[in-house]
Structures are given as structure tokens and as C-alpha cells.
């Protein structure tokens, strides 16, 4: 009876099949590692963010990139549109590598940006798509709120900005609430903002203006039951000696507030800053 022929398997083919079977688990291991890596960046995202903080004022627009020491600025005007603004920002920051932007805006803001046109800038700010224009994530908040955010140390803090008008923000346990205290009536003729703004200072003189300012500050402390008050803006220096519980904000706090909007803490702390805060900010 003839024998059946058995197919010969070469050693090379046998080795190849065995290797293939042995390599399969390794492939799954690499996939599990890549999955783990995909979850890791979320935890370290704040370390990778390069935030360009922009403070829009009636005279100048000031900018600072976290990690940089010297800020930059360019002049603003009543003719500056948002397109002009974007063009100038890009021009002055060509050598800065940023991947997100925070903007302190001189007017009412909401979740989608400006809610009202600013009185000291050109038209077209409401509904302008800043994120599309800059091609990076953009967060916008009221300029006084951004300075307040940078001044916050914890607890219940009231910020009052004495500049062109009266800016105001309350922060309580890392919740930021933009206020419009300047709309409160001071008397039958004027609002608080009109009595404490730059025009009133020129009309009344420093002595009378300072008396009105302190009357307003003392009333605000009682009304909001604040742990402390921070005063900022160009005219805060005219308030004279400050009592316990009231301090001046410095000119870097607006930038710090802009960095904090993206969860970045990249500014030197002041000696008096001892309170801790929650970095998960809520904007109302």
C-alpha cells in the first residue's frame, strides 16, 4: 500500500509562524500604552499652555506672554475696530509663541464675548469671532474682572477699579461675578460711576473726589461683607493711605488674571499673598 506524502514545513516558515503568535501580545501592550498616554496630557495641559494675556484700555492695549518678563503695548483709539486690534496684536507678537489668548475687555461680556460696544473704541466688537481671527482658543472677560481675578487670594474679595469709570467685581470661593456698581445712583443727578470717574476727578479736584471715593468704599465693604477689598485702576494711587483690609492691586494683576483664565499660575507672588484658592474658576 503506498504511503501518503506528508507536506514538509521549512524551519523558516515554522519560525515565522511561531514569532507571529508570540508578537501578538506585544501589539496589545503597545495599544494599551498608547491609550494611557492619550489620557495623560489632560492632567498636564496647564503646563503646556502658552497664554497671551491682553488688557484693552482706552489709551493703550497691553500684552504679556506667560514666561516673559517685559510686557508690550500699542495705542488704542476710538477708531480701533476688532479687525484693527487683531492685526496689531499679531504684528507686535510675531516672535511670541502662544497657543491661547485671554482678553480683558472694557465693557459687558458673556460666554461668547462682548455684549456691548465699548465707548472708547471703534464699532463691531459684539459678535466678532476672535477665535477664528486668531486661530487659537480665546477667552474674553471684563477688564476689571480680569484684574480682580489676578488679585484674588481666597475668601470673599471685592475689587473696585478707579479709572475712566468705576469697575467692580466680586469673587467668592473662586466664583467670579462681574458687577456694575457704577450704575448705582449716587444722587438724583449722577451715578456712582459718574461721581468716581476721571471726569469727576478733574471737575471736583482730588480732595473732594477722595472723600466721595472713601464714602463709597466703606459702604461697599459693609454691603458685600467682603473679607478684603482691592482697589485698582489709574486713580487708585490718589486714595492715600489705605486702612487694614484694603490694598492696591499692582499693574501685573491683569496679566495674572488672564493666565488664570486658562489655569496657569505664572506670576511671582506678593509677600502678603498667603491664602490658597481653587483654580477651577467659574465666571458668572
C-alpha atoms as a PDB file:
ATOM      1  CA  UNK A   1       0.000   0.000   0.000  1.00  0.00           C
ATOM      2  CA  UNK A   2       1.602   3.348  -0.995  1.00  0.00           C
ATOM      3  CA  UNK A   3       2.482   5.753   1.793  1.00  0.00           C
ATOM      4  CA  UNK A   4       0.790   9.155   1.992  1.00  0.00           C
ATOM      5  CA  UNK A   5       3.069  12.056   1.238  1.00  0.00           C
ATOM      6  CA  UNK A   6       3.416  14.431   4.155  1.00  0.00           C
ATOM      7  CA  UNK A   7       3.894  18.139   3.302  1.00  0.00           C
ATOM      8  CA  UNK A   8       7.206  19.387   4.534  1.00  0.00           C
ATOM      9  CA  UNK A   9       7.291  22.592   6.531  1.00  0.00           C
ATOM     10  CA  UNK A  10      10.512  24.505   6.292  1.00  0.00           C
ATOM     11  CA  UNK A  11      12.166  25.613   9.565  1.00  0.00           C
ATOM     12  CA  UNK A  12      11.996  29.226   8.394  1.00  0.00           C
ATOM     13  CA  UNK A  13       8.205  29.099   7.921  1.00  0.00           C
ATOM     14  CA  UNK A  14       7.734  27.402  11.274  1.00  0.00           C
ATOM     15  CA  UNK A  15       9.852  30.024  12.981  1.00  0.00           C
ATOM     16  CA  UNK A  16       7.912  32.807  11.262  1.00  0.00           C
ATOM     17  CA  UNK A  17       4.521  31.464  12.418  1.00  0.00           C
ATOM     18  CA  UNK A  18       5.748  30.988  15.971  1.00  0.00           C
ATOM     19  CA  UNK A  19       7.135  34.500  16.021  1.00  0.00           C
ATOM     20  CA  UNK A  20       3.857  35.865  14.767  1.00  0.00           C
ATOM     21  CA  UNK A  21       1.979  34.129  17.560  1.00  0.00           C
ATOM     22  CA  UNK A  22       4.435  35.449  20.150  1.00  0.00           C
ATOM     23  CA  UNK A  23       4.316  39.010  18.878  1.00  0.00           C
ATOM     24  CA  UNK A  24       0.524  39.340  19.195  1.00  0.00           C
ATOM     25  CA  UNK A  25       0.504  40.088  22.945  1.00  0.00           C
ATOM     26  CA  UNK A  26       3.206  42.722  22.458  1.00  0.00           C
ATOM     27  CA  UNK A  27       0.990  44.516  19.986  1.00  0.00           C
ATOM     28  CA  UNK A  28      -1.827  44.702  22.526  1.00  0.00           C
ATOM     29  CA  UNK A  29       0.625  46.018  25.118  1.00  0.00           C
ATOM     30  CA  UNK A  30       1.631  48.866  22.840  1.00  0.00           C
ATOM     31  CA  UNK A  31      -2.008  49.722  22.251  1.00  0.00           C
ATOM     32  CA  UNK A  32      -2.692  49.858  25.993  1.00  0.00           C
ATOM     33  CA  UNK A  33       0.337  52.100  26.474  1.00  0.00           C
ATOM     34  CA  UNK A  34      -0.799  54.483  23.759  1.00  0.00           C
ATOM     35  CA  UNK A  35      -4.222  54.662  25.411  1.00  0.00           C
ATOM     36  CA  UNK A  36      -2.593  55.566  28.706  1.00  0.00           C
ATOM     37  CA  UNK A  37      -0.537  58.256  27.020  1.00  0.00           C
ATOM     38  CA  UNK A  38      -3.665  59.741  25.445  1.00  0.00           C
ATOM     39  CA  UNK A  39      -5.150  60.250  28.906  1.00  0.00           C
ATOM     40  CA  UNK A  40      -2.004  61.778  30.442  1.00  0.00           C
ATOM     41  CA  UNK A  41      -1.831  65.157  28.613  1.00  0.00           C
ATOM     42  CA  UNK A  42      -5.189  66.205  30.087  1.00  0.00           C
ATOM     43  CA  UNK A  43      -3.592  66.236  33.529  1.00  0.00           C
ATOM     44  CA  UNK A  44      -0.594  68.302  32.399  1.00  0.00           C
ATOM     45  CA  UNK A  45      -2.440  70.588  29.972  1.00  0.00           C
ATOM     46  CA  UNK A  46      -1.921  73.665  32.165  1.00  0.00           C
ATOM     47  CA  UNK A  47       1.846  73.200  31.984  1.00  0.00           C
ATOM     48  CA  UNK A  48       1.765  73.233  28.200  1.00  0.00           C
ATOM     49  CA  UNK A  49      -0.426  76.306  27.715  1.00  0.00           C
ATOM     50  CA  UNK A  50       1.295  79.447  26.474  1.00  0.00           C
ATOM     51  CA  UNK A  51      -1.179  82.200  27.280  1.00  0.00           C
ATOM     52  CA  UNK A  52      -1.113  85.632  25.696  1.00  0.00           C
ATOM     53  CA  UNK A  53      -2.914  87.958  28.139  1.00  0.00           C
ATOM     54  CA  UNK A  54      -4.270  91.195  26.633  1.00  0.00           C
ATOM     55  CA  UNK A  55      -5.613  94.155  28.594  1.00  0.00           C
ATOM     56  CA  UNK A  56      -7.567  96.588  26.405  1.00  0.00           C
ATOM     57  CA  UNK A  57      -7.605 100.137  27.738  1.00  0.00           C
ATOM     58  CA  UNK A  58      -8.881 103.430  26.421  1.00  0.00           C
ATOM     59  CA  UNK A  59      -5.330 104.694  25.815  1.00  0.00           C
ATOM     60  CA  UNK A  60      -3.220 101.561  25.339  1.00  0.00           C
ATOM     61  CA  UNK A  61      -3.542  97.858  24.692  1.00  0.00           C
ATOM     62  CA  UNK A  62      -1.060  95.938  26.873  1.00  0.00           C
ATOM     63  CA  UNK A  63       0.109  92.388  26.281  1.00  0.00           C
ATOM     64  CA  UNK A  64       2.192  89.777  28.096  1.00  0.00           C
ATOM     65  CA  UNK A  65       3.005  86.146  27.320  1.00  0.00           C
ATOM     66  CA  UNK A  66       3.392  83.855  30.304  1.00  0.00           C
ATOM     67  CA  UNK A  67       7.077  83.113  30.783  1.00  0.00           C
ATOM     68  CA  UNK A  68       8.074  86.572  29.502  1.00  0.00           C
ATOM     69  CA  UNK A  69       9.221  89.386  31.782  1.00  0.00           C
ATOM     70  CA  UNK A  70       8.574  92.509  29.715  1.00  0.00           C
ATOM     71  CA  UNK A  71       5.102  93.403  28.502  1.00  0.00           C
ATOM     72  CA  UNK A  72       4.359  95.136  25.226  1.00  0.00           C
ATOM     73  CA  UNK A  73       1.783  97.714  24.232  1.00  0.00           C
ATOM     74  CA  UNK A  74       0.319  99.712  21.378  1.00  0.00           C
ATOM     75  CA  UNK A  75      -2.024 102.698  21.298  1.00  0.00           C
ATOM     76  CA  UNK A  76      -5.796 102.262  21.165  1.00  0.00           C
ATOM     77  CA  UNK A  77      -8.299 104.822  19.931  1.00  0.00           C
ATOM     78  CA  UNK A  78     -11.985 105.469  19.316  1.00  0.00           C
ATOM     79  CA  UNK A  79     -11.396 104.365  15.729  1.00  0.00           C
ATOM     80  CA  UNK A  80      -9.892 100.946  16.557  1.00  0.00           C
ATOM     81  CA  UNK A  81     -12.134  98.141  15.284  1.00  0.00           C
ATOM     82  CA  UNK A  82     -11.692  94.499  16.321  1.00  0.00           C
ATOM     83  CA  UNK A  83     -10.046  93.777  12.958  1.00  0.00           C
ATOM     84  CA  UNK A  84      -7.522  96.562  13.608  1.00  0.00           C
ATOM     85  CA  UNK A  85      -6.977  95.137  17.072  1.00  0.00           C
ATOM     86  CA  UNK A  86      -6.278  91.621  15.781  1.00  0.00           C
ATOM     87  CA  UNK A  87      -3.892  92.925  13.126  1.00  0.00           C
ATOM     88  CA  UNK A  88      -1.890  94.977  15.649  1.00  0.00           C
ATOM     89  CA  UNK A  89      -1.738  92.121  18.170  1.00  0.00           C
ATOM     90  CA  UNK A  90      -0.380  89.750  15.520  1.00  0.00           C
ATOM     91  CA  UNK A  91       2.145  92.337  14.375  1.00  0.00           C
ATOM     92  CA  UNK A  92       3.556  93.122  17.822  1.00  0.00           C
ATOM     93  CA  UNK A  93       3.735  89.451  18.906  1.00  0.00           C
ATOM     94  CA  UNK A  94       5.294  87.882  15.804  1.00  0.00           C
ATOM     95  CA  UNK A  95       8.179  86.431  17.829  1.00  0.00           C
ATOM     96  CA  UNK A  96       5.980  85.139  20.682  1.00  0.00           C
ATOM     97  CA  UNK A  97       4.796  81.530  20.524  1.00  0.00           C
ATOM     98  CA  UNK A  98       1.329  81.359  22.110  1.00  0.00           C
ATOM     99  CA  UNK A  99      -1.463  78.821  21.774  1.00  0.00           C
ATOM    100  CA  UNK A 100      -4.323  80.559  23.627  1.00  0.00           C
ATOM    101  CA  UNK A 101      -5.409  84.139  24.333  1.00  0.00           C
ATOM    102  CA  UNK A 102      -7.243  85.866  27.171  1.00  0.00           C
ATOM    103  CA  UNK A 103      -8.667  89.356  26.666  1.00  0.00           C
ATOM    104  CA  UNK A 104      -9.719  91.920  29.251  1.00  0.00           C
ATOM    105  CA  UNK A 105     -12.462  93.898  27.502  1.00  0.00           C
ATOM    106  CA  UNK A 106     -13.688  97.369  28.578  1.00  0.00           C
ATOM    107  CA  UNK A 107     -17.384  96.551  28.581  1.00  0.00           C
ATOM    108  CA  UNK A 108     -20.017  93.935  29.328  1.00  0.00           C
ATOM    109  CA  UNK A 109     -19.087  90.380  28.370  1.00  0.00           C
ATOM    110  CA  UNK A 110     -20.786  86.998  28.288  1.00  0.00           C
ATOM    111  CA  UNK A 111     -19.950  83.405  27.443  1.00  0.00           C
ATOM    112  CA  UNK A 112     -19.480  84.299  23.761  1.00  0.00           C
ATOM    113  CA  UNK A 113     -17.567  87.556  24.187  1.00  0.00           C
ATOM    114  CA  UNK A 114     -18.592  91.233  24.254  1.00  0.00           C
ATOM    115  CA  UNK A 115     -22.260  92.005  24.934  1.00  0.00           C
ATOM    116  CA  UNK A 116     -21.998  95.759  24.355  1.00  0.00           C
ATOM    117  CA  UNK A 117     -19.912  98.076  22.240  1.00  0.00           C
ATOM    118  CA  UNK A 118     -17.168  99.919  24.153  1.00  0.00           C
ATOM    119  CA  UNK A 119     -17.475 103.680  24.432  1.00  0.00           C
ATOM    120  CA  UNK A 120     -13.783 104.349  23.892  1.00  0.00           C
ATOM    121  CA  UNK A 121     -13.136 102.079  20.882  1.00  0.00           C
ATOM    122  CA  UNK A 122     -14.425 101.681  17.336  1.00  0.00           C
ATOM    123  CA  UNK A 123     -17.542  99.665  16.354  1.00  0.00           C
ATOM    124  CA  UNK A 124     -18.012  95.981  15.591  1.00  0.00           C
ATOM    125  CA  UNK A 125     -16.888  94.239  18.792  1.00  0.00           C
ATOM    126  CA  UNK A 126     -20.156  92.467  19.552  1.00  0.00           C
ATOM    127  CA  UNK A 127     -20.441  89.133  17.663  1.00  0.00           C
ATOM    128  CA  UNK A 128     -16.886  89.397  16.316  1.00  0.00           C
ATOM    129  CA  UNK A 129     -15.282  85.925  16.071  1.00  0.00           C
ATOM    130  CA  UNK A 130     -11.971  86.415  17.879  1.00  0.00           C
ATOM    131  CA  UNK A 131     -11.181  82.713  17.939  1.00  0.00           C
ATOM    132  CA  UNK A 132     -11.434  82.454  14.163  1.00  0.00           C
ATOM    133  CA  UNK A 133      -9.391  85.633  13.718  1.00  0.00           C
ATOM    134  CA  UNK A 134      -6.547  84.482  15.988  1.00  0.00           C
ATOM    135  CA  UNK A 135      -6.868  80.759  15.136  1.00  0.00           C
ATOM    136  CA  UNK A 136      -6.339  79.778  18.781  1.00  0.00           C
ATOM    137  CA  UNK A 137      -8.716  79.383  21.771  1.00  0.00           C
ATOM    138  CA  UNK A 138      -9.791  82.804  23.093  1.00  0.00           C
ATOM    139  CA  UNK A 139     -11.452  83.696  26.411  1.00  0.00           C
ATOM    140  CA  UNK A 140     -12.852  87.184  26.992  1.00  0.00           C
ATOM    141  CA  UNK A 141     -13.899  88.780  30.259  1.00  0.00           C
ATOM    142  CA  UNK A 142     -14.470  92.292  31.562  1.00  0.00           C
ATOM    143  CA  UNK A 143     -11.176  94.130  32.117  1.00  0.00           C
ATOM    144  CA  UNK A 144     -11.949  94.902  35.776  1.00  0.00           C
ATOM    145  CA  UNK A 145     -12.876  91.252  36.323  1.00  0.00           C
ATOM    146  CA  UNK A 146      -9.587  90.116  34.821  1.00  0.00           C
ATOM    147  CA  UNK A 147      -7.617  92.403  37.134  1.00  0.00           C
ATOM    148  CA  UNK A 148      -9.739  91.191  40.046  1.00  0.00           C
ATOM    149  CA  UNK A 149      -9.051  87.577  39.130  1.00  0.00           C
ATOM    150  CA  UNK A 150      -5.322  88.298  39.231  1.00  0.00           C
ATOM    151  CA  UNK A 151      -5.652  89.966  42.652  1.00  0.00           C
ATOM    152  CA  UNK A 152      -7.642  87.197  44.313  1.00  0.00           C
ATOM    153  CA  UNK A 153      -6.162  85.387  47.334  1.00  0.00           C
ATOM    154  CA  UNK A 154      -9.188  83.447  48.547  1.00  0.00           C
ATOM    155  CA  UNK A 155     -12.322  84.098  50.588  1.00  0.00           C
ATOM    156  CA  UNK A 156     -14.691  86.900  49.603  1.00  0.00           C
ATOM    157  CA  UNK A 157     -12.944  89.715  47.746  1.00  0.00           C
ATOM    158  CA  UNK A 158     -14.422  92.898  46.279  1.00  0.00           C
ATOM    159  CA  UNK A 159     -12.445  94.662  43.563  1.00  0.00           C
ATOM    160  CA  UNK A 160     -13.023  98.328  42.712  1.00  0.00           C
ATOM    161  CA  UNK A 161     -11.306  99.859  39.697  1.00  0.00           C
ATOM    162  CA  UNK A 162     -10.952 103.665  39.675  1.00  0.00           C
ATOM    163  CA  UNK A 163     -10.141 104.696  36.129  1.00  0.00           C
ATOM    164  CA  UNK A 164     -12.158 106.217  33.299  1.00  0.00           C
ATOM    165  CA  UNK A 165     -15.224 104.995  35.165  1.00  0.00           C
ATOM    166  CA  UNK A 166     -15.830 102.629  38.067  1.00  0.00           C
ATOM    167  CA  UNK A 167     -15.093  98.933  37.553  1.00  0.00           C
ATOM    168  CA  UNK A 168     -16.279  96.341  40.073  1.00  0.00           C
ATOM    169  CA  UNK A 169     -16.062  92.587  40.576  1.00  0.00           C
ATOM    170  CA  UNK A 170     -16.868  90.213  43.428  1.00  0.00           C
ATOM    171  CA  UNK A 171     -15.000  86.910  43.781  1.00  0.00           C
ATOM    172  CA  UNK A 172     -16.195  84.380  46.323  1.00  0.00           C
ATOM    173  CA  UNK A 173     -14.526  80.965  46.624  1.00  0.00           C
ATOM    174  CA  UNK A 174     -13.176  81.114  43.062  1.00  0.00           C
ATOM    175  CA  UNK A 175     -16.504  82.219  41.549  1.00  0.00           C
ATOM    176  CA  UNK A 176     -16.085  85.459  39.590  1.00  0.00           C
ATOM    177  CA  UNK A 177     -19.111  87.780  39.475  1.00  0.00           C
ATOM    178  CA  UNK A 178     -18.835  90.903  37.325  1.00  0.00           C
ATOM    179  CA  UNK A 179     -20.713  93.822  38.860  1.00  0.00           C
ATOM    180  CA  UNK A 180     -21.889  97.182  37.564  1.00  0.00           C
ATOM    181  CA  UNK A 181     -21.733  99.251  40.752  1.00  0.00           C
ATOM    182  CA  UNK A 182     -21.109 102.340  38.661  1.00  0.00           C
ATOM    183  CA  UNK A 183     -24.800 102.259  37.685  1.00  0.00           C
ATOM    184  CA  UNK A 184     -25.952 102.742  41.280  1.00  0.00           C
ATOM    185  CA  UNK A 185     -27.439 106.200  41.818  1.00  0.00           C
ATOM    186  CA  UNK A 186     -25.257 108.499  43.907  1.00  0.00           C
ATOM    187  CA  UNK A 187     -27.901 111.215  43.965  1.00  0.00           C
ATOM    188  CA  UNK A 188     -30.780 112.400  41.815  1.00  0.00           C
ATOM    189  CA  UNK A 189     -28.376 113.706  39.179  1.00  0.00           C
ATOM    190  CA  UNK A 190     -25.375 111.394  38.969  1.00  0.00           C
ATOM    191  CA  UNK A 191     -24.495 107.706  39.201  1.00  0.00           C
ATOM    192  CA  UNK A 192     -21.624 106.373  41.302  1.00  0.00           C
ATOM    193  CA  UNK A 193     -19.607 105.808  38.144  1.00  0.00           C
ATOM    194  CA  UNK A 194     -20.048 109.420  37.108  1.00  0.00           C
ATOM    195  CA  UNK A 195     -19.042 110.681  40.558  1.00  0.00           C
ATOM    196  CA  UNK A 196     -15.944 108.472  40.732  1.00  0.00           C
ATOM    197  CA  UNK A 197     -14.769 108.595  37.123  1.00  0.00           C
ATOM    198  CA  UNK A 198     -11.955 110.583  35.569  1.00  0.00           C
ATOM    199  CA  UNK A 199     -14.182 113.488  34.523  1.00  0.00           C
ATOM    200  CA  UNK A 200     -15.464 113.934  38.074  1.00  0.00           C
ATOM    201  CA  UNK A 201     -11.888 113.920  39.372  1.00  0.00           C
ATOM    202  CA  UNK A 202     -10.964 116.782  37.063  1.00  0.00           C
ATOM    203  CA  UNK A 203     -14.117 118.712  37.936  1.00  0.00           C
ATOM    204  CA  UNK A 204     -14.136 118.172  41.718  1.00  0.00           C
ATOM    205  CA  UNK A 205     -10.414 118.058  42.454  1.00  0.00           C
ATOM    206  CA  UNK A 206      -8.509 115.389  44.361  1.00  0.00           C
ATOM    207  CA  UNK A 207      -9.696 116.281  47.863  1.00  0.00           C
ATOM    208  CA  UNK A 208     -13.442 116.162  47.155  1.00  0.00           C
ATOM    209  CA  UNK A 209     -13.060 113.149  44.845  1.00  0.00           C
ATOM    210  CA  UNK A 210     -11.109 111.211  47.504  1.00  0.00           C
ATOM    211  CA  UNK A 211     -13.809 111.956  50.121  1.00  0.00           C
ATOM    212  CA  UNK A 212     -16.513 110.564  47.813  1.00  0.00           C
ATOM    213  CA  UNK A 213     -14.367 107.534  46.950  1.00  0.00           C
ATOM    214  CA  UNK A 214     -13.846 106.596  50.597  1.00  0.00           C
ATOM    215  CA  UNK A 215     -17.521 107.018  51.368  1.00  0.00           C
ATOM    216  CA  UNK A 216     -18.287 104.594  48.549  1.00  0.00           C
ATOM    217  CA  UNK A 217     -15.572 102.096  49.608  1.00  0.00           C
ATOM    218  CA  UNK A 218     -16.780 101.994  53.231  1.00  0.00           C
ATOM    219  CA  UNK A 219     -20.346 101.460  52.091  1.00  0.00           C
ATOM    220  CA  UNK A 220     -19.250  98.682  49.718  1.00  0.00           C
ATOM    221  CA  UNK A 221     -17.349  96.838  52.465  1.00  0.00           C
ATOM    222  CA  UNK A 222     -20.492  96.669  54.590  1.00  0.00           C
ATOM    223  CA  UNK A 223     -22.828  95.877  51.696  1.00  0.00           C
ATOM    224  CA  UNK A 224     -20.846  92.908  50.374  1.00  0.00           C
ATOM    225  CA  UNK A 225     -19.451  91.691  53.701  1.00  0.00           C
ATOM    226  CA  UNK A 226     -16.072  91.402  51.983  1.00  0.00           C
ATOM    227  CA  UNK A 227     -13.060  89.837  53.694  1.00  0.00           C
ATOM    228  CA  UNK A 228     -10.914  92.414  51.916  1.00  0.00           C
ATOM    229  CA  UNK A 229     -11.070  94.983  49.129  1.00  0.00           C
ATOM    230  CA  UNK A 230      -8.575  95.510  46.329  1.00  0.00           C
ATOM    231  CA  UNK A 231      -8.521  98.909  44.604  1.00  0.00           C
ATOM    232  CA  UNK A 232      -7.043  99.236  41.152  1.00  0.00           C
ATOM    233  CA  UNK A 233      -7.069 101.478  38.119  1.00  0.00           C
ATOM    234  CA  UNK A 234      -5.063 104.588  37.349  1.00  0.00           C
ATOM    235  CA  UNK A 235      -6.667 106.695  40.093  1.00  0.00           C
ATOM    236  CA  UNK A 236      -6.269 104.201  42.956  1.00  0.00           C
ATOM    237  CA  UNK A 237      -2.996 105.910  43.877  1.00  0.00           C
ATOM    238  CA  UNK A 238      -4.938 109.065  44.753  1.00  0.00           C
ATOM    239  CA  UNK A 239      -6.762 107.372  47.636  1.00  0.00           C
ATOM    240  CA  UNK A 240      -3.854 107.981  50.013  1.00  0.00           C
ATOM    241  CA  UNK A 241      -3.102 105.667  52.944  1.00  0.00           C
ATOM    242  CA  UNK A 242      -5.212 102.540  52.950  1.00  0.00           C
ATOM    243  CA  UNK A 243      -6.702 101.038  56.136  1.00  0.00           C
ATOM    244  CA  UNK A 244      -6.407  97.338  57.077  1.00  0.00           C
ATOM    245  CA  UNK A 245      -8.470  95.152  54.785  1.00  0.00           C
ATOM    246  CA  UNK A 246      -7.933  97.397  51.751  1.00  0.00           C
ATOM    247  CA  UNK A 247      -4.938  97.159  49.436  1.00  0.00           C
ATOM    248  CA  UNK A 248      -3.870  98.337  45.999  1.00  0.00           C
ATOM    249  CA  UNK A 249      -3.552  95.969  43.090  1.00  0.00           C
ATOM    250  CA  UNK A 250      -0.346  96.221  41.073  1.00  0.00           C
ATOM    251  CA  UNK A 251      -0.082  96.624  37.314  1.00  0.00           C
ATOM    252  CA  UNK A 252       0.706  92.934  36.726  1.00  0.00           C
ATOM    253  CA  UNK A 253      -2.523  91.565  38.171  1.00  0.00           C
ATOM    254  CA  UNK A 254      -4.459  91.906  34.905  1.00  0.00           C
ATOM    255  CA  UNK A 255      -1.935  89.626  33.207  1.00  0.00           C
ATOM    256  CA  UNK A 256      -2.102  87.136  36.055  1.00  0.00           C
ATOM    257  CA  UNK A 257      -5.888  87.118  35.733  1.00  0.00           C
ATOM    258  CA  UNK A 258      -5.523  86.374  32.035  1.00  0.00           C
ATOM    259  CA  UNK A 259      -3.189  83.470  32.757  1.00  0.00           C
ATOM    260  CA  UNK A 260      -5.503  82.140  35.451  1.00  0.00           C
ATOM    261  CA  UNK A 261      -8.383  82.010  32.975  1.00  0.00           C
ATOM    262  CA  UNK A 262      -6.550  79.069  31.384  1.00  0.00           C
ATOM    263  CA  UNK A 263      -5.420  77.565  34.701  1.00  0.00           C
ATOM    264  CA  UNK A 264      -1.867  78.894  34.501  1.00  0.00           C
ATOM    265  CA  UNK A 265      -0.111  80.306  37.589  1.00  0.00           C
ATOM    266  CA  UNK A 266       2.959  82.016  36.171  1.00  0.00           C
ATOM    267  CA  UNK A 267       3.420  85.267  38.093  1.00  0.00           C
ATOM    268  CA  UNK A 268       5.574  85.939  41.168  1.00  0.00           C
ATOM    269  CA  UNK A 269       3.513  86.032  44.354  1.00  0.00           C
ATOM    270  CA  UNK A 270       3.442  89.079  46.577  1.00  0.00           C
ATOM    271  CA  UNK A 271       4.571  88.868  50.210  1.00  0.00           C
ATOM    272  CA  UNK A 272       1.026  89.370  51.507  1.00  0.00           C
ATOM    273  CA  UNK A 273      -0.426  86.564  49.362  1.00  0.00           C
ATOM    274  CA  UNK A 274      -0.917  83.691  51.761  1.00  0.00           C
ATOM    275  CA  UNK A 275      -4.421  82.388  51.116  1.00  0.00           C
ATOM    276  CA  UNK A 276      -4.995  79.420  48.843  1.00  0.00           C
ATOM    277  CA  UNK A 277      -7.723  79.258  46.201  1.00  0.00           C
ATOM    278  CA  UNK A 278      -9.401  76.781  43.919  1.00  0.00           C
ATOM    279  CA  UNK A 279      -8.022  77.033  40.364  1.00  0.00           C
ATOM    280  CA  UNK A 280     -11.324  75.911  38.804  1.00  0.00           C
ATOM    281  CA  UNK A 281     -12.726  79.374  38.120  1.00  0.00           C
ATOM    282  CA  UNK A 282     -16.435  79.958  37.498  1.00  0.00           C
ATOM    283  CA  UNK A 283     -17.399  83.108  35.592  1.00  0.00           C
ATOM    284  CA  UNK A 284     -20.898  84.488  36.208  1.00  0.00           C
END
